[in-house]
Protein backbone atom coordinates (compact mmCIF):
# COMPACT_ATOMS: atom_id res chain seq x y z
CA MET A 1 -56.12 76.93 17.30
CA SER A 2 -54.32 73.63 17.94
CA GLU A 3 -50.54 73.43 18.28
CA PRO A 4 -48.90 73.15 14.85
CA LYS A 5 -47.30 69.91 13.76
CA ILE A 6 -44.98 71.69 11.33
CA SER A 7 -43.60 75.23 11.11
CA TYR A 8 -42.82 76.76 7.72
CA ILE A 9 -40.10 79.40 7.88
CA ILE A 10 -40.14 81.98 5.11
CA ALA A 11 -37.56 84.70 4.53
CA THR A 12 -38.82 87.51 2.33
CA ARG A 13 -37.93 90.97 1.10
CA ASP A 14 -40.08 93.12 -1.17
CA ARG A 15 -42.16 90.24 -2.49
CA ALA A 16 -45.60 91.76 -1.87
CA ASP A 17 -46.55 91.02 -5.47
CA LEU A 18 -45.76 87.30 -5.10
CA ILE A 19 -46.03 86.21 -1.48
CA GLY A 20 -49.82 86.11 -1.58
CA GLU A 21 -49.71 83.13 -3.95
CA THR A 22 -47.31 81.32 -1.64
CA ILE A 23 -49.56 81.94 1.36
CA LEU A 24 -52.64 80.81 -0.56
CA SER A 25 -50.89 77.53 -1.39
CA LEU A 26 -50.22 77.09 2.34
CA ILE A 27 -53.85 77.70 3.22
CA GLN A 28 -54.88 75.10 0.63
CA GLN A 29 -52.82 72.34 2.29
CA ASP A 30 -54.66 69.08 2.95
CA GLU A 31 -53.24 69.11 6.51
CA ALA A 32 -54.34 72.11 8.56
CA ASP A 33 -52.02 71.86 11.59
CA TRP A 34 -49.25 74.12 10.33
CA GLU A 35 -47.93 77.59 11.02
CA ALA A 36 -45.82 79.92 8.89
CA ILE A 37 -43.21 82.24 10.41
CA ILE A 38 -42.61 84.94 7.80
CA VAL A 39 -39.59 87.17 8.45
CA ASP A 40 -39.32 90.39 6.46
CA ASP A 41 -35.66 91.13 5.76
CA HIS A 42 -35.68 94.96 5.74
CA GLY A 43 -38.32 95.14 3.01
CA THR A 44 -40.06 98.41 2.17
CA ASP A 45 -43.19 97.24 0.36
CA LYS A 46 -46.66 96.14 1.53
CA THR A 47 -45.73 92.58 2.50
CA GLU A 48 -47.08 92.97 6.04
CA GLU A 49 -50.41 94.26 4.74
CA ILE A 50 -50.72 91.37 2.28
CA ILE A 51 -50.14 88.82 5.05
CA LYS A 52 -52.53 90.41 7.54
CA ASN A 53 -55.28 90.61 4.92
CA PHE A 54 -55.51 86.81 5.02
CA HIS A 55 -56.78 87.01 8.64
CA ASP A 56 -55.23 83.62 9.44
CA GLN A 57 -53.78 83.11 12.92
CA ARG A 58 -51.38 80.50 11.56
CA LEU A 59 -49.46 83.26 9.77
CA VAL A 60 -46.86 85.00 11.97
CA TYR A 61 -45.19 88.13 10.58
CA LEU A 62 -41.86 89.36 11.98
CA LYS A 63 -39.67 92.24 10.90
CA LEU A 64 -35.93 91.58 10.97
CA GLY A 65 -34.31 94.34 13.02
CA ASP A 66 -30.85 95.75 12.40
CA SER A 67 -29.62 94.07 15.58
CA ASN A 68 -30.53 90.69 14.05
CA GLY A 69 -28.43 91.31 10.94
CA ARG A 70 -29.49 91.07 7.32
CA GLY A 71 -30.09 88.38 4.74
CA ALA A 72 -32.04 85.16 4.33
CA SER A 73 -29.85 83.26 6.80
CA CYS A 74 -30.55 85.76 9.59
CA ALA A 75 -34.26 85.73 8.74
CA ARG A 76 -34.50 81.93 8.81
CA ASN A 77 -32.57 81.70 12.07
CA LEU A 78 -34.98 84.15 13.71
CA ALA A 79 -37.96 82.24 12.33
CA ALA A 80 -36.60 78.96 13.71
CA ILE A 81 -36.44 80.44 17.20
CA TRP A 82 -40.10 81.49 16.97
CA ALA A 83 -41.28 78.16 15.53
CA LYS A 84 -43.57 76.13 17.78
CA ALA A 85 -43.62 72.81 15.93
CA PRO A 86 -41.07 69.98 16.26
CA ILE A 87 -40.59 69.95 12.47
CA ILE A 88 -39.42 72.97 10.47
CA ALA A 89 -39.93 73.23 6.71
CA ILE A 90 -38.26 75.67 4.34
CA THR A 91 -40.24 77.66 1.79
CA ASP A 92 -39.31 80.68 -0.31
CA SER A 93 -41.69 83.60 -0.58
CA ASP A 94 -42.29 83.24 -4.31
CA ASP A 95 -42.77 79.47 -4.68
CA ILE A 96 -45.91 77.34 -4.59
CA LEU A 97 -46.61 74.39 -2.31
CA TYR A 98 -48.65 71.53 -3.71
CA PRO A 99 -51.59 70.64 -1.44
CA ASN A 100 -49.94 67.47 -0.13
CA ARG A 101 -46.59 68.94 0.88
CA THR A 102 -47.46 69.17 4.57
CA SER A 103 -49.11 65.76 4.85
CA GLU A 104 -46.37 63.95 2.92
CA THR A 105 -43.63 65.62 4.96
CA LEU A 106 -45.26 64.75 8.26
CA LYS A 107 -45.96 61.20 7.11
CA ALA A 108 -42.28 60.68 6.28
CA PHE A 109 -41.17 61.78 9.75
CA ARG A 110 -43.93 59.74 11.41
CA ASP A 111 -43.18 56.54 9.47
CA ASN A 112 -39.39 56.94 9.66
CA PRO A 113 -38.58 58.33 13.11
CA GLU A 114 -34.84 57.98 12.50
CA ILE A 115 -34.73 60.59 9.72
CA GLU A 116 -33.55 64.10 10.53
CA VAL A 117 -33.60 65.88 7.17
CA PHE A 118 -36.32 65.49 4.54
CA TYR A 119 -36.35 66.63 0.90
CA SER A 120 -38.42 65.88 -2.18
CA ASP A 121 -38.76 66.25 -5.90
CA PHE A 122 -40.31 69.43 -7.31
CA ASP A 123 -41.49 71.12 -10.49
CA ILE A 124 -40.06 74.20 -12.22
CA TRP A 125 -42.61 76.77 -13.33
CA ASP A 126 -41.47 79.06 -16.14
CA VAL A 127 -43.73 82.04 -15.55
CA ALA A 128 -43.00 83.63 -18.94
CA SER A 129 -44.07 80.60 -20.97
CA GLY A 130 -46.39 79.01 -18.44
CA GLU A 131 -44.51 75.71 -18.80
CA VAL A 132 -44.24 73.43 -15.77
CA ARG A 133 -41.42 70.91 -16.09
CA SER A 134 -39.03 68.70 -14.17
CA ARG A 135 -35.48 69.73 -13.35
CA LYS A 136 -33.00 68.82 -16.07
CA THR A 137 -30.90 66.95 -13.53
CA PRO A 138 -33.37 64.71 -11.67
CA VAL A 139 -33.53 64.94 -7.89
CA SER A 140 -32.20 61.67 -6.51
CA ASP A 141 -31.65 59.58 -3.40
CA TYR A 142 -29.21 60.89 -0.85
CA SER A 143 -25.57 59.89 -0.75
CA PHE A 144 -22.65 61.56 1.00
CA GLU A 145 -20.51 61.31 -2.13
CA LYS A 146 -23.10 63.24 -4.14
CA MET A 147 -23.21 65.89 -1.44
CA LYS A 148 -19.44 66.27 -1.61
CA ALA A 149 -19.57 66.73 -5.37
CA ASP A 150 -22.44 69.18 -5.68
CA HIS A 151 -25.50 70.68 -4.04
CA PHE A 152 -28.14 68.33 -5.44
CA ILE A 153 -30.84 68.77 -2.77
CA PRO A 154 -33.56 71.35 -3.60
CA HIS A 155 -33.60 73.63 -0.57
CA ILE A 156 -37.20 74.75 -1.06
CA THR A 157 -38.36 71.18 -0.31
CA VAL A 158 -36.27 70.65 2.83
CA ALA A 159 -37.72 69.98 6.28
CA MET A 160 -35.84 69.01 9.41
CA LYS A 161 -36.27 68.52 13.13
CA LYS A 162 -36.43 71.87 14.90
CA GLN A 163 -33.72 71.09 17.44
CA LEU A 164 -31.36 70.13 14.62
CA LEU A 165 -31.76 73.57 13.05
CA LEU A 166 -31.41 75.35 16.37
CA ASP A 167 -28.18 73.43 17.00
CA ASN A 168 -26.96 74.08 13.45
CA PRO A 169 -28.19 77.53 12.41
CA TYR A 170 -27.61 79.02 8.98
CA ASN A 171 -24.17 80.59 8.64
CA GLN A 172 -24.81 84.30 8.21
CA TYR A 173 -21.56 84.75 6.30
CA PHE A 174 -23.08 82.90 3.38
CA ARG A 175 -25.21 85.48 1.61
CA MET A 176 -25.59 82.86 -1.12
CA ALA A 177 -25.22 79.06 -1.15
CA GLU A 178 -26.28 79.13 2.50
CA ASP A 179 -28.42 76.09 1.75
CA TYR A 180 -25.45 74.03 0.57
CA ASP A 181 -23.44 75.19 3.57
CA ILE A 182 -25.97 73.99 6.12
CA LEU A 183 -26.87 70.75 4.34
CA SER A 184 -23.24 69.78 3.74
CA ARG A 185 -22.54 70.55 7.41
CA LEU A 186 -25.33 68.17 8.44
CA ALA A 187 -24.03 65.57 5.99
CA VAL A 188 -20.56 65.67 7.55
CA GLN A 189 -22.18 65.11 10.94
CA GLY A 190 -23.71 61.90 9.61
CA ARG A 191 -27.33 63.08 9.86
CA LYS A 192 -30.03 60.90 8.36
CA PHE A 193 -31.47 62.23 5.08
CA TYR A 194 -34.70 61.04 3.48
CA PHE A 195 -35.77 61.57 -0.15
CA CYS A 196 -39.45 61.65 -1.09
CA LYS A 197 -39.89 60.96 -4.81
CA LYS A 198 -43.17 62.85 -5.00
CA LYS A 199 -43.21 66.41 -6.32
CA LEU A 200 -44.33 68.64 -3.46
CA MET A 201 -43.35 72.13 -4.65
CA LYS A 202 -43.45 74.36 -7.71
CA TYR A 203 -40.38 76.59 -8.08
CA ARG A 204 -41.06 79.92 -9.77
CA LEU A 205 -38.64 80.78 -12.58
CA GLY A 206 -39.26 84.32 -13.75
CA ILE A 207 -37.57 87.34 -15.29
CA ASN A 208 -37.15 89.04 -11.92
CA ASN A 209 -36.44 85.88 -9.95
CA MET A 210 -33.45 86.23 -7.61
CA SER A 211 -32.35 82.72 -8.53
CA ILE A 212 -31.28 83.44 -12.12
CA GLY A 213 -28.59 85.49 -13.85
CA LYS A 214 -24.97 84.91 -14.85
CA GLU A 215 -23.55 87.25 -12.22
CA ARG A 216 -25.50 85.53 -9.48
CA LYS A 217 -24.42 82.10 -10.70
CA THR A 218 -20.78 83.17 -10.48
CA ILE A 219 -21.03 84.32 -6.88
CA VAL A 220 -23.14 81.29 -5.88
CA ASP A 221 -20.40 79.05 -7.29
CA LEU A 222 -17.79 80.92 -5.25
CA TYR A 223 -19.77 80.61 -2.04
CA GLY A 224 -20.34 76.95 -2.87
CA GLN A 225 -16.59 76.44 -3.15
CA MET A 226 -16.16 78.16 0.21
CA ALA A 227 -18.63 75.70 1.77
CA LYS A 228 -16.74 72.77 0.25
CA MET A 229 -13.47 74.10 1.67
CA ALA A 230 -15.08 74.51 5.09
CA ARG A 231 -16.18 70.86 5.00
CA GLY A 232 -12.80 69.64 3.78
CA PHE A 233 -14.26 68.44 0.46
CA ILE A 234 -11.65 70.43 -1.48
CA PRO A 235 -8.33 72.05 -0.47
CA PHE A 236 -8.54 75.54 1.01
CA GLY A 237 -7.78 78.36 -1.41
CA LEU A 238 -7.53 81.97 -0.23
CA GLU A 239 -8.23 83.18 -3.76
CA VAL A 240 -11.89 82.13 -3.47
CA ALA A 241 -12.33 84.21 -0.32
CA LYS A 242 -10.67 87.17 -2.01
CA GLN A 243 -12.98 86.91 -5.02
CA ILE A 244 -16.03 86.80 -2.77
CA GLN A 245 -14.83 89.85 -0.85
CA GLU A 246 -14.13 91.76 -4.06
CA PHE A 247 -17.57 90.91 -5.43
CA GLU A 248 -19.32 91.96 -2.22
CA ASN A 249 -17.35 95.22 -2.03
CA GLN A 250 -18.39 96.07 -5.58
CA ARG A 251 -21.98 95.18 -4.80
CA SER A 252 -22.07 97.44 -1.74
CA LYS A 253 -21.03 100.42 -3.91
CA LYS A 254 -23.93 99.98 -6.36
């Protein structure tokens, strides 16, 4: 097996019923020189068995130990350490890659050596209805002012240089909005972002999807505000931190 040109890092927990589709979309890429570092965040299902049944050496399965912490941020940081390729791409364990995601990502870095962070357009797949549609707010070209205002970059399409991620790991405090935290941090550093207008991913929107729900939206917004305060985009307010702590304390009792 040749050395990979790109390493996909995938954090997962109890997604045995979905991760197979994600892996299949990886195997169907039109560029074969990839690897996927899949980190199981204290899951209890048959995820490991599903992965091993593919019998593909490009798939690396790791179990997140208690000493490594918990959560998607910890899982992605561990995966980044294990990654062999100079480019790291983010993928969730329930989403679908279009066949050209790998080739288009690598082409962008090859043709534009100055870029450090890549992102693209994507589709939304409503599993219940079967509809595949664009995001209501279109994905757009990068600007620092847009980053200050809102998290407009779809995290599932992001790729970056490995050393950049190792130097700027995910903040494990951010159980949610960790994507906005890291991308806004890179923006403040003046890193070079690149937007690919092609749709390279299909985001799964389903009844049991972790990315929906009013309660989750509330806490994501709070964590997002915390990231903005950390960057100096908005004034610091202790009340936001208190609300996050209260929410997490209530969650731990459930």
